[in-house]
Amino acid sequence: MENYVITISRQFGSLGRSISKKMSENLGISFYDRDIVEATAKRMGLPTSMISDQEEQSNSIFYRRQYPLGIGLVSMQQEIFSVQENIIRDLTAKESCIIVGRCGNSILRDHKNSLNVYIYAPYKKRLANCIDTLHMDKKTAYKYIKTVDRARENYRRRFGGQSESLLEEYDLLIDSSKYGVDGTAQILCNIVKENEIRDKI
């Protein structure tokens, strides 16, 4: 199979990152998430801490997920996004890989061999995942489901293109609560292995 790319967008608490990691292991390809931040810092000639400060303004891992590009100046956010866009294009040009978040589906809209996936789950299941898997207390879980989802949607609308509907942006939407991390990863891997990425084009 030629080089291919899988982009994963997800609701907070749907365990999309864990699913991406499992897919990476099953397919024997890289997956990129926070690695892109480190590459951005290197390319911009700045310490990773400075990029992180712009992204987060906090040391909390959950805050990172809430504000993928931070809460700094609009010009800085745009510059960071532009650098990350170039990094994502460079990564997918040289190898098959999984890109988590960061409007990968929009950036790679014209990629010849791609599968763009949106992972979601019912609210109650996401709340349980936050508490049981991400080890958040209930109050924090409520807060982050609300704020992270809103932040990701705003991010999608700002940097991700024109579509108002998820159905127009993704090739596949899947409820991770139906199959769990391993089952969801296996379903998606089977699609890749059966060459359906190429067949859809």
N, C-alpha and C. Protein backbone atom coordinates (compact mmCIF):
# COMPACT_ATOMS: atom_id res chain seq x y z
N MET A 1 0.84 -1.19 0.00
CA MET A 1 0.00 0.00 0.00
C MET A 1 0.88 1.25 0.00
N GLU A 2 0.48 2.24 -0.74
CA GLU A 2 1.18 3.50 -0.74
C GLU A 2 1.02 4.17 0.62
N ASN A 3 1.82 5.20 0.86
CA ASN A 3 1.67 5.95 2.10
C ASN A 3 0.23 6.43 2.26
N TYR A 4 -0.27 6.32 3.47
CA TYR A 4 -1.62 6.78 3.76
C TYR A 4 -1.60 7.54 5.08
N VAL A 5 -2.66 8.28 5.31
CA VAL A 5 -2.78 9.03 6.55
C VAL A 5 -4.17 8.82 7.13
N ILE A 6 -4.23 8.67 8.43
CA ILE A 6 -5.49 8.60 9.16
C ILE A 6 -5.54 9.82 10.06
N THR A 7 -6.57 10.62 9.94
CA THR A 7 -6.73 11.74 10.86
C THR A 7 -7.83 11.39 11.85
N ILE A 8 -7.57 11.68 13.10
CA ILE A 8 -8.50 11.38 14.18
C ILE A 8 -8.92 12.68 14.86
N SER A 9 -10.20 12.99 14.77
CA SER A 9 -10.79 14.07 15.57
C SER A 9 -11.69 13.39 16.59
N ARG A 10 -11.92 14.04 17.73
CA ARG A 10 -12.65 13.32 18.77
C ARG A 10 -13.29 14.26 19.77
N GLN A 11 -14.35 13.78 20.39
CA GLN A 11 -14.93 14.45 21.54
C GLN A 11 -14.07 14.17 22.76
N PHE A 12 -14.04 15.13 23.67
CA PHE A 12 -13.29 14.92 24.90
C PHE A 12 -13.94 13.78 25.70
N GLY A 13 -13.11 12.86 26.17
CA GLY A 13 -13.61 11.74 26.95
C GLY A 13 -14.02 10.54 26.12
N SER A 14 -13.92 10.62 24.80
CA SER A 14 -14.27 9.48 23.95
C SER A 14 -13.09 8.52 23.82
N LEU A 15 -11.95 8.87 24.39
CA LEU A 15 -10.72 8.07 24.38
C LEU A 15 -10.12 7.95 22.99
N GLY A 16 -10.29 9.00 22.19
CA GLY A 16 -9.75 9.00 20.84
C GLY A 16 -8.24 8.88 20.79
N ARG A 17 -7.55 9.48 21.76
CA ARG A 17 -6.08 9.38 21.76
C ARG A 17 -5.64 7.95 22.06
N SER A 18 -6.31 7.30 23.00
CA SER A 18 -5.97 5.91 23.32
C SER A 18 -6.23 4.99 22.13
N ILE A 19 -7.31 5.26 21.42
CA ILE A 19 -7.63 4.49 20.22
C ILE A 19 -6.57 4.71 19.16
N SER A 20 -6.13 5.95 19.00
CA SER A 20 -5.09 6.26 18.02
C SER A 20 -3.80 5.53 18.35
N LYS A 21 -3.46 5.50 19.63
CA LYS A 21 -2.23 4.80 20.04
C LYS A 21 -2.32 3.31 19.76
N LYS A 22 -3.47 2.73 20.03
CA LYS A 22 -3.66 1.30 19.76
C LYS A 22 -3.59 1.02 18.26
N MET A 23 -4.17 1.89 17.46
CA MET A 23 -4.09 1.74 16.00
C MET A 23 -2.64 1.81 15.53
N SER A 24 -1.89 2.74 16.11
CA SER A 24 -0.48 2.88 15.76
C SER A 24 0.27 1.58 16.02
N GLU A 25 -0.02 0.96 17.16
CA GLU A 25 0.63 -0.31 17.49
C GLU A 25 0.21 -1.42 16.54
N ASN A 26 -1.07 -1.48 16.22
CA ASN A 26 -1.59 -2.55 15.36
C ASN A 26 -1.11 -2.43 13.92
N LEU A 27 -0.99 -1.20 13.44
CA LEU A 27 -0.62 -0.97 12.04
C LEU A 27 0.88 -0.81 11.84
N GLY A 28 1.60 -0.59 12.94
CA GLY A 28 3.03 -0.39 12.84
C GLY A 28 3.41 0.94 12.21
N ILE A 29 2.60 1.96 12.47
CA ILE A 29 2.88 3.30 11.96
C ILE A 29 2.90 4.29 13.12
N SER A 30 3.46 5.47 12.89
CA SER A 30 3.55 6.49 13.93
C SER A 30 2.22 7.19 14.11
N PHE A 31 2.00 7.69 15.34
CA PHE A 31 0.90 8.63 15.53
C PHE A 31 1.46 9.88 16.19
N TYR A 32 0.93 11.01 15.74
CA TYR A 32 1.46 12.30 16.17
C TYR A 32 0.36 13.11 16.84
N ASP A 33 0.70 13.61 18.03
CA ASP A 33 -0.22 14.45 18.78
C ASP A 33 0.60 15.58 19.39
N ARG A 34 1.03 15.44 20.63
CA ARG A 34 1.85 16.48 21.26
C ARG A 34 3.24 16.58 20.65
N ASP A 35 3.66 15.55 19.92
CA ASP A 35 4.95 15.61 19.23
C ASP A 35 5.01 16.82 18.30
N ILE A 36 3.86 17.19 17.77
CA ILE A 36 3.79 18.31 16.83
C ILE A 36 4.14 19.62 17.53
N VAL A 37 3.80 19.72 18.82
CA VAL A 37 4.15 20.91 19.59
C VAL A 37 5.67 21.03 19.70
N GLU A 38 6.32 19.92 20.00
CA GLU A 38 7.78 19.94 20.13
C GLU A 38 8.44 20.30 18.80
N ALA A 39 7.90 19.75 17.70
CA ALA A 39 8.45 20.07 16.38
C ALA A 39 8.21 21.53 16.02
N THR A 40 7.08 22.06 16.46
CA THR A 40 6.76 23.46 16.21
C THR A 40 7.76 24.36 16.92
N ALA A 41 8.04 24.06 18.17
CA ALA A 41 9.00 24.85 18.93
C ALA A 41 10.38 24.83 18.26
N LYS A 42 10.79 23.67 17.81
CA LYS A 42 12.10 23.55 17.17
C LYS A 42 12.14 24.35 15.88
N ARG A 43 11.09 24.26 15.09
CA ARG A 43 11.07 24.95 13.80
C ARG A 43 11.01 26.46 13.97
N MET A 44 10.36 26.91 15.04
CA MET A 44 10.25 28.35 15.28
C MET A 44 11.45 28.90 16.05
N GLY A 45 12.35 28.00 16.46
CA GLY A 45 13.52 28.43 17.20
C GLY A 45 13.20 28.92 18.59
N LEU A 46 12.18 28.34 19.19
CA LEU A 46 11.75 28.73 20.52
C LEU A 46 11.77 27.52 21.44
N PRO A 47 11.94 27.74 22.74
CA PRO A 47 11.85 26.61 23.67
C PRO A 47 10.44 26.05 23.69
N THR A 48 10.34 24.75 23.88
CA THR A 48 9.03 24.11 23.93
C THR A 48 8.17 24.74 25.00
N SER A 49 8.79 25.17 26.10
CA SER A 49 8.03 25.79 27.19
C SER A 49 7.33 27.05 26.73
N MET A 50 7.95 27.79 25.81
CA MET A 50 7.32 29.02 25.34
C MET A 50 6.10 28.71 24.47
N ILE A 51 6.23 27.70 23.61
CA ILE A 51 5.08 27.27 22.81
C ILE A 51 3.99 26.76 23.73
N SER A 52 4.39 25.99 24.74
CA SER A 52 3.41 25.47 25.68
C SER A 52 2.71 26.58 26.44
N ASP A 53 3.46 27.62 26.80
CA ASP A 53 2.85 28.75 27.50
C ASP A 53 1.80 29.41 26.61
N GLN A 54 2.11 29.55 25.34
CA GLN A 54 1.14 30.14 24.43
C GLN A 54 -0.07 29.22 24.27
N GLU A 55 0.18 27.92 24.27
CA GLU A 55 -0.92 26.97 24.09
C GLU A 55 -1.78 26.83 25.34
N GLU A 56 -1.15 26.83 26.49
CA GLU A 56 -1.83 26.39 27.69
C GLU A 56 -2.06 27.46 28.75
N GLN A 57 -1.01 28.23 29.05
CA GLN A 57 -1.03 29.11 30.22
C GLN A 57 -1.30 28.30 31.49
N SER A 58 -0.92 27.04 31.47
CA SER A 58 -1.15 26.16 32.61
C SER A 58 -0.31 24.92 32.43
N ASN A 59 0.05 24.26 33.52
CA ASN A 59 0.78 23.00 33.45
C ASN A 59 -0.15 21.80 33.38
N SER A 60 -1.45 22.04 33.41
CA SER A 60 -2.41 20.93 33.43
C SER A 60 -2.53 20.28 32.07
N ILE A 61 -2.42 18.95 32.02
CA ILE A 61 -2.57 18.22 30.76
C ILE A 61 -3.98 18.40 30.21
N PHE A 62 -4.96 18.56 31.10
CA PHE A 62 -6.33 18.73 30.63
C PHE A 62 -6.51 20.12 30.03
N TYR A 63 -5.77 21.10 30.53
CA TYR A 63 -5.83 22.44 29.98
C TYR A 63 -5.26 22.45 28.56
N ARG A 64 -4.26 21.63 28.32
CA ARG A 64 -3.69 21.52 26.98
C ARG A 64 -4.77 21.07 26.00
N ARG A 65 -5.57 20.12 26.41
CA ARG A 65 -6.62 19.62 25.53
C ARG A 65 -7.70 20.66 25.32
N GLN A 66 -7.91 21.50 26.31
CA GLN A 66 -8.95 22.52 26.22
C GLN A 66 -8.58 23.60 25.21
N TYR A 67 -7.30 23.98 25.21
CA TYR A 67 -6.86 25.07 24.35
C TYR A 67 -5.73 24.58 23.46
N PRO A 68 -6.05 23.91 22.33
CA PRO A 68 -5.00 23.35 21.48
C PRO A 68 -3.99 24.38 20.99
N LEU A 69 -4.40 25.62 20.80
CA LEU A 69 -3.47 26.66 20.38
C LEU A 69 -3.33 27.76 21.42
N GLY A 70 -3.82 27.54 22.61
CA GLY A 70 -3.59 28.48 23.67
C GLY A 70 -4.58 29.64 23.66
N ILE A 71 -4.32 30.62 24.53
CA ILE A 71 -5.21 31.77 24.67
C ILE A 71 -4.43 33.07 24.50
N GLY A 72 -3.29 32.98 23.78
CA GLY A 72 -2.48 34.16 23.57
C GLY A 72 -3.02 35.02 22.45
N LEU A 73 -2.16 35.89 21.94
CA LEU A 73 -2.55 36.80 20.88
C LEU A 73 -2.96 36.03 19.64
N VAL A 74 -3.94 36.58 18.92
CA VAL A 74 -4.43 35.94 17.71
C VAL A 74 -3.30 35.73 16.72
N SER A 75 -2.42 36.71 16.58
CA SER A 75 -1.32 36.60 15.62
C SER A 75 -0.39 35.44 15.97
N MET A 76 -0.13 35.24 17.26
CA MET A 76 0.71 34.13 17.67
C MET A 76 0.01 32.80 17.42
N GLN A 77 -1.28 32.73 17.72
CA GLN A 77 -2.03 31.52 17.46
C GLN A 77 -1.99 31.16 15.97
N GLN A 78 -2.16 32.15 15.12
CA GLN A 78 -2.15 31.92 13.69
C GLN A 78 -0.78 31.44 13.22
N GLU A 79 0.27 32.05 13.77
CA GLU A 79 1.62 31.66 13.39
C GLU A 79 1.90 30.22 13.81
N ILE A 80 1.49 29.87 15.03
CA ILE A 80 1.69 28.50 15.50
C ILE A 80 0.93 27.52 14.62
N PHE A 81 -0.31 27.86 14.28
CA PHE A 81 -1.09 26.97 13.43
C PHE A 81 -0.43 26.79 12.06
N SER A 82 0.07 27.87 11.50
CA SER A 82 0.70 27.79 10.18
C SER A 82 1.93 26.88 10.20
N VAL A 83 2.72 26.99 11.26
CA VAL A 83 3.89 26.13 11.40
C VAL A 83 3.46 24.68 11.58
N GLN A 84 2.44 24.45 12.41
CA GLN A 84 1.97 23.09 12.62
C GLN A 84 1.40 22.50 11.34
N GLU A 85 0.73 23.32 10.55
CA GLU A 85 0.20 22.86 9.27
C GLU A 85 1.33 22.35 8.37
N ASN A 86 2.42 23.09 8.30
CA ASN A 86 3.55 22.68 7.48
C ASN A 86 4.18 21.40 8.01
N ILE A 87 4.25 21.28 9.34
CA ILE A 87 4.81 20.08 9.94
C ILE A 87 3.96 18.86 9.61
N ILE A 88 2.65 19.00 9.72
CA ILE A 88 1.74 17.89 9.41
C ILE A 88 1.89 17.48 7.95
N ARG A 89 2.00 18.44 7.05
CA ARG A 89 2.19 18.12 5.63
C ARG A 89 3.52 17.40 5.41
N ASP A 90 4.56 17.84 6.09
CA ASP A 90 5.87 17.20 5.96
C ASP A 90 5.83 15.76 6.47
N LEU A 91 5.19 15.55 7.61
CA LEU A 91 5.11 14.21 8.19
C LEU A 91 4.39 13.24 7.27
N THR A 92 3.27 13.68 6.73
CA THR A 92 2.46 12.78 5.91
C THR A 92 3.05 12.57 4.52
N ALA A 93 3.95 13.45 4.12
CA ALA A 93 4.60 13.28 2.82
C ALA A 93 5.66 12.18 2.87
N LYS A 94 6.23 11.94 4.07
CA LYS A 94 7.35 11.01 4.15
C LYS A 94 6.98 9.63 4.68
N GLU A 95 5.79 9.50 5.32
CA GLU A 95 5.44 8.21 5.90
C GLU A 95 3.94 8.08 6.12
N SER A 96 3.48 6.85 6.21
CA SER A 96 2.12 6.60 6.66
C SER A 96 2.05 6.90 8.15
N CYS A 97 0.97 7.54 8.58
CA CYS A 97 0.90 7.91 9.99
C CYS A 97 -0.52 8.29 10.38
N ILE A 98 -0.70 8.50 11.67
CA ILE A 98 -1.96 8.95 12.25
C ILE A 98 -1.74 10.34 12.82
N ILE A 99 -2.60 11.26 12.46
CA ILE A 99 -2.55 12.63 12.98
C ILE A 99 -3.75 12.83 13.89
N VAL A 100 -3.49 13.18 15.14
CA VAL A 100 -4.56 13.37 16.12
C VAL A 100 -4.85 14.86 16.27
N GLY A 101 -6.09 15.25 15.99
CA GLY A 101 -6.52 16.62 16.20
C GLY A 101 -5.88 17.61 15.26
N ARG A 102 -5.87 18.89 15.69
CA ARG A 102 -5.22 20.00 14.98
C ARG A 102 -5.73 20.17 13.56
N CYS A 103 -7.02 19.88 13.35
CA CYS A 103 -7.66 20.07 12.04
C CYS A 103 -6.93 19.31 10.94
N GLY A 104 -6.38 18.14 11.30
CA GLY A 104 -5.66 17.34 10.32
C GLY A 104 -6.51 17.00 9.10
N ASN A 105 -7.79 16.72 9.33
CA ASN A 105 -8.66 16.37 8.20
C ASN A 105 -8.79 17.52 7.21
N SER A 106 -8.82 18.75 7.69
CA SER A 106 -8.92 19.90 6.81
C SER A 106 -7.59 20.22 6.14
N ILE A 107 -6.51 20.15 6.90
CA ILE A 107 -5.19 20.41 6.35
C ILE A 107 -4.87 19.43 5.23
N LEU A 108 -5.30 18.17 5.42
CA LEU A 108 -4.97 17.11 4.47
C LEU A 108 -6.15 16.76 3.57
N ARG A 109 -7.02 17.71 3.36
CA ARG A 109 -8.23 17.48 2.57
C ARG A 109 -7.92 16.92 1.18
N ASP A 110 -6.80 17.35 0.60
CA ASP A 110 -6.45 16.94 -0.76
C ASP A 110 -5.48 15.77 -0.79
N HIS A 111 -5.19 15.18 0.37
CA HIS A 111 -4.29 14.03 0.39
C HIS A 111 -4.91 12.88 -0.39
N LYS A 112 -4.11 12.22 -1.20
CA LYS A 112 -4.65 11.23 -2.14
C LYS A 112 -5.09 9.93 -1.47
N ASN A 113 -4.59 9.66 -0.30
CA ASN A 113 -4.85 8.36 0.32
C ASN A 113 -5.07 8.55 1.82
N SER A 114 -6.30 8.93 2.18
CA SER A 114 -6.56 9.30 3.57
C SER A 114 -7.88 8.74 4.06
N LEU A 115 -7.96 8.64 5.38
CA LEU A 115 -9.21 8.29 6.05
C LEU A 115 -9.38 9.27 7.21
N ASN A 116 -10.46 10.02 7.18
CA ASN A 116 -10.72 11.04 8.21
C ASN A 116 -11.82 10.56 9.13
N VAL A 117 -11.47 10.38 10.40
CA VAL A 117 -12.35 9.73 11.37
C VAL A 117 -12.72 10.70 12.48
N TYR A 118 -13.97 10.64 12.90
CA TYR A 118 -14.44 11.39 14.07
C TYR A 118 -14.93 10.38 15.11
N ILE A 119 -14.34 10.42 16.30
CA ILE A 119 -14.69 9.50 17.37
C ILE A 119 -15.52 10.24 18.42
N TYR A 120 -16.65 9.66 18.76
CA TYR A 120 -17.55 10.29 19.72
C TYR A 120 -18.08 9.23 20.68
N ALA A 121 -18.82 9.66 21.67
CA ALA A 121 -19.46 8.74 22.61
C ALA A 121 -20.56 9.50 23.34
N PRO A 122 -21.56 8.79 23.86
CA PRO A 122 -22.60 9.45 24.64
C PRO A 122 -22.01 10.18 25.85
N TYR A 123 -22.69 11.23 26.27
CA TYR A 123 -22.19 12.07 27.36
C TYR A 123 -21.89 11.25 28.62
N LYS A 124 -22.81 10.38 29.02
CA LYS A 124 -22.63 9.62 30.26
C LYS A 124 -21.40 8.72 30.18
N LYS A 125 -21.15 8.17 29.02
CA LYS A 125 -19.99 7.31 28.86
C LYS A 125 -18.71 8.13 28.89
N ARG A 126 -18.73 9.30 28.29
CA ARG A 126 -17.55 10.16 28.34
C ARG A 126 -17.26 10.61 29.76
N LEU A 127 -18.32 10.90 30.50
CA LEU A 127 -18.14 11.28 31.90
C LEU A 127 -17.50 10.14 32.68
N ALA A 128 -17.97 8.93 32.45
CA ALA A 128 -17.39 7.76 33.12
C ALA A 128 -15.93 7.56 32.72
N ASN A 129 -15.62 7.76 31.45
CA ASN A 129 -14.23 7.64 30.99
C ASN A 129 -13.33 8.66 31.68
N CYS A 130 -13.83 9.87 31.82
CA CYS A 130 -13.04 10.92 32.48
C CYS A 130 -12.71 10.54 33.92
N ILE A 131 -13.69 9.97 34.60
CA ILE A 131 -13.50 9.62 36.00
C ILE A 131 -12.68 8.35 36.16
N ASP A 132 -13.03 7.31 35.40
CA ASP A 132 -12.42 5.99 35.60
C ASP A 132 -11.09 5.82 34.88
N THR A 133 -10.95 6.42 33.70
CA THR A 133 -9.74 6.23 32.90
C THR A 133 -8.78 7.41 33.00
N LEU A 134 -9.32 8.63 32.95
CA LEU A 134 -8.47 9.81 33.04
C LEU A 134 -8.27 10.28 34.47
N HIS A 135 -8.95 9.62 35.42
CA HIS A 135 -8.77 9.85 36.86
C HIS A 135 -9.06 11.30 37.26
N MET A 136 -10.15 11.83 36.74
CA MET A 136 -10.61 13.16 37.10
C MET A 136 -11.73 13.03 38.12
N ASP A 137 -11.83 14.00 39.03
CA ASP A 137 -12.99 14.00 39.91
C ASP A 137 -14.22 14.43 39.10
N LYS A 138 -15.39 14.18 39.63
CA LYS A 138 -16.62 14.38 38.86
C LYS A 138 -16.82 15.83 38.46
N LYS A 139 -16.52 16.75 39.38
CA LYS A 139 -16.70 18.17 39.08
C LYS A 139 -15.79 18.61 37.94
N THR A 140 -14.55 18.16 37.99
CA THR A 140 -13.60 18.51 36.93
C THR A 140 -14.02 17.89 35.61
N ALA A 141 -14.51 16.66 35.67
CA ALA A 141 -14.96 15.98 34.45
C ALA A 141 -16.09 16.74 33.78
N TYR A 142 -17.09 17.17 34.55
CA TYR A 142 -18.19 17.96 34.00
C TYR A 142 -17.64 19.21 33.31
N LYS A 143 -16.73 19.88 34.00
CA LYS A 143 -16.18 21.13 33.48
C LYS A 143 -15.47 20.92 32.16
N TYR A 144 -14.60 19.92 32.10
CA TYR A 144 -13.77 19.76 30.92
C TYR A 144 -14.53 19.20 29.73
N ILE A 145 -15.51 18.36 29.96
CA ILE A 145 -16.33 17.92 28.83
C ILE A 145 -16.97 19.13 28.16
N LYS A 146 -17.48 20.03 28.97
CA LYS A 146 -18.14 21.22 28.42
C LYS A 146 -17.15 22.15 27.74
N THR A 147 -16.08 22.50 28.44
CA THR A 147 -15.18 23.53 27.92
C THR A 147 -14.29 23.01 26.79
N VAL A 148 -13.84 21.77 26.88
CA VAL A 148 -12.99 21.23 25.83
C VAL A 148 -13.77 21.04 24.53
N ASP A 149 -14.98 20.52 24.64
CA ASP A 149 -15.81 20.38 23.44
C ASP A 149 -16.05 21.72 22.77
N ARG A 150 -16.34 22.74 23.58
CA ARG A 150 -16.58 24.06 23.01
C ARG A 150 -15.32 24.61 22.36
N ALA A 151 -14.18 24.45 23.05
CA ALA A 151 -12.92 24.96 22.50
C ALA A 151 -12.55 24.26 21.20
N ARG A 152 -12.76 22.95 21.16
CA ARG A 152 -12.43 22.21 19.94
C ARG A 152 -13.34 22.61 18.79
N GLU A 153 -14.60 22.86 19.08
CA GLU A 153 -15.52 23.28 18.03
C GLU A 153 -15.14 24.67 17.52
N ASN A 154 -14.79 25.58 18.41
CA ASN A 154 -14.37 26.91 17.98
C ASN A 154 -13.09 26.83 17.15
N TYR A 155 -12.19 25.96 17.59
CA TYR A 155 -10.94 25.74 16.86
C TYR A 155 -11.22 25.21 15.46
N ARG A 156 -12.14 24.24 15.37
CA ARG A 156 -12.50 23.66 14.08
C ARG A 156 -13.08 24.71 13.15
N ARG A 157 -13.94 25.55 13.69
CA ARG A 157 -14.57 26.57 12.86
C ARG A 157 -13.57 27.64 12.42
N ARG A 158 -12.62 27.94 13.29
CA ARG A 158 -11.66 28.99 12.96
C ARG A 158 -10.62 28.53 11.96
N PHE A 159 -10.06 27.32 12.18
CA PHE A 159 -8.94 26.88 11.37
C PHE A 159 -9.29 25.76 10.39
N GLY A 160 -10.46 25.17 10.54
CA GLY A 160 -10.72 23.92 9.83
C GLY A 160 -11.53 24.00 8.56
N GLY A 161 -11.92 25.16 8.10
CA GLY A 161 -12.65 25.21 6.85
C GLY A 161 -14.06 25.70 7.01
N GLN A 162 -14.86 25.41 6.02
CA GLN A 162 -16.14 26.07 5.88
C GLN A 162 -17.34 25.23 6.33
N SER A 163 -17.20 23.93 6.44
CA SER A 163 -18.35 23.06 6.64
C SER A 163 -19.01 23.28 7.99
N GLU A 164 -20.33 23.24 8.00
CA GLU A 164 -21.10 23.36 9.23
C GLU A 164 -21.47 21.99 9.79
N SER A 165 -21.25 20.92 9.03
CA SER A 165 -21.71 19.59 9.42
C SER A 165 -20.53 18.62 9.50
N LEU A 166 -20.50 17.83 10.57
CA LEU A 166 -19.47 16.80 10.69
C LEU A 166 -19.58 15.79 9.57
N LEU A 167 -20.79 15.56 9.09
CA LEU A 167 -21.00 14.57 8.03
C LEU A 167 -20.27 14.96 6.75
N GLU A 168 -20.04 16.24 6.56
CA GLU A 168 -19.36 16.70 5.36
C GLU A 168 -17.84 16.69 5.53
N GLU A 169 -17.36 16.58 6.74
CA GLU A 169 -15.93 16.70 7.00
C GLU A 169 -15.22 15.37 7.16
N TYR A 170 -15.96 14.32 7.52
CA TYR A 170 -15.32 13.06 7.86
C TYR A 170 -15.85 11.92 7.00
N ASP A 171 -14.97 10.93 6.79
CA ASP A 171 -15.36 9.73 6.05
C ASP A 171 -16.11 8.75 6.95
N LEU A 172 -15.82 8.81 8.25
CA LEU A 172 -16.37 7.84 9.18
C LEU A 172 -16.55 8.45 10.55
N LEU A 173 -17.73 8.31 11.13
CA LEU A 173 -17.99 8.68 12.52
C LEU A 173 -18.27 7.40 13.28
N ILE A 174 -17.62 7.23 14.43
CA ILE A 174 -17.77 5.98 15.17
C ILE A 174 -17.93 6.24 16.66
N ASP A 175 -18.87 5.52 17.27
CA ASP A 175 -19.16 5.63 18.70
C ASP A 175 -18.25 4.67 19.45
N SER A 176 -17.24 5.20 20.13
CA SER A 176 -16.27 4.35 20.81
C SER A 176 -16.86 3.57 21.96
N SER A 177 -18.00 4.02 22.49
CA SER A 177 -18.60 3.31 23.62
C SER A 177 -19.19 1.97 23.19
N LYS A 178 -19.45 1.80 21.92
CA LYS A 178 -20.02 0.55 21.42
C LYS A 178 -18.99 -0.58 21.40
N TYR A 179 -17.74 -0.24 21.20
CA TYR A 179 -16.72 -1.25 20.94
C TYR A 179 -15.51 -1.17 21.87
N GLY A 180 -15.40 -0.11 22.65
CA GLY A 180 -14.25 0.06 23.53
C GLY A 180 -13.02 0.49 22.74
N VAL A 181 -11.93 0.71 23.46
CA VAL A 181 -10.70 1.17 22.82
C VAL A 181 -10.18 0.13 21.84
N ASP A 182 -10.02 -1.10 22.29
CA ASP A 182 -9.45 -2.14 21.43
C ASP A 182 -10.35 -2.44 20.24
N GLY A 183 -11.65 -2.56 20.49
CA GLY A 183 -12.57 -2.89 19.41
C GLY A 183 -12.66 -1.80 18.36
N THR A 184 -12.72 -0.54 18.82
CA THR A 184 -12.79 0.59 17.88
C THR A 184 -11.52 0.66 17.05
N ALA A 185 -10.38 0.49 17.71
CA ALA A 185 -9.10 0.50 16.99
C ALA A 185 -9.05 -0.62 15.96
N GLN A 186 -9.55 -1.79 16.32
CA GLN A 186 -9.49 -2.93 15.40
C GLN A 186 -10.38 -2.70 14.18
N ILE A 187 -11.56 -2.14 14.40
CA ILE A 187 -12.46 -1.84 13.27
C ILE A 187 -11.77 -0.89 12.29
N LEU A 188 -11.17 0.16 12.82
CA LEU A 188 -10.52 1.14 11.96
C LEU A 188 -9.29 0.55 11.27
N CYS A 189 -8.55 -0.27 11.99
CA CYS A 189 -7.39 -0.93 11.37
C CYS A 189 -7.81 -1.87 10.25
N ASN A 190 -8.93 -2.56 10.44
CA ASN A 190 -9.41 -3.47 9.40
C ASN A 190 -9.74 -2.71 8.12
N ILE A 191 -10.32 -1.54 8.27
CA ILE A 191 -10.63 -0.71 7.10
C ILE A 191 -9.36 -0.37 6.35
N VAL A 192 -8.32 0.00 7.10
CA VAL A 192 -7.04 0.34 6.47
C VAL A 192 -6.44 -0.88 5.78
N LYS A 193 -6.41 -2.00 6.47
CA LYS A 193 -5.77 -3.20 5.94
C LYS A 193 -6.49 -3.75 4.71
N GLU A 194 -7.78 -3.49 4.61
CA GLU A 194 -8.55 -3.96 3.46
C GLU A 194 -8.51 -2.98 2.30
N ASN A 195 -7.64 -1.96 2.42
CA ASN A 195 -7.42 -0.99 1.34
C ASN A 195 -8.62 -0.11 1.05
N GLU A 196 -9.52 0.02 1.99
CA GLU A 196 -10.69 0.85 1.73
C GLU A 196 -10.35 2.33 1.75
N ILE A 197 -9.20 2.70 2.31
CA ILE A 197 -8.76 4.09 2.22
C ILE A 197 -8.61 4.47 0.75
N ARG A 198 -7.90 3.63 0.01
CA ARG A 198 -7.67 3.93 -1.40
C ARG A 198 -8.96 3.81 -2.20
N ASP A 199 -9.78 2.82 -1.89
CA ASP A 199 -10.98 2.56 -2.67
C ASP A 199 -11.98 3.70 -2.59
N LYS A 200 -11.95 4.48 -1.51
CA LYS A 200 -12.95 5.53 -1.35
C LYS A 200 -12.69 6.73 -2.24
N ILE A 201 -11.49 6.82 -2.81
CA ILE A 201 -11.13 8.01 -3.57
C ILE A 201 -11.74 7.95 -4.97
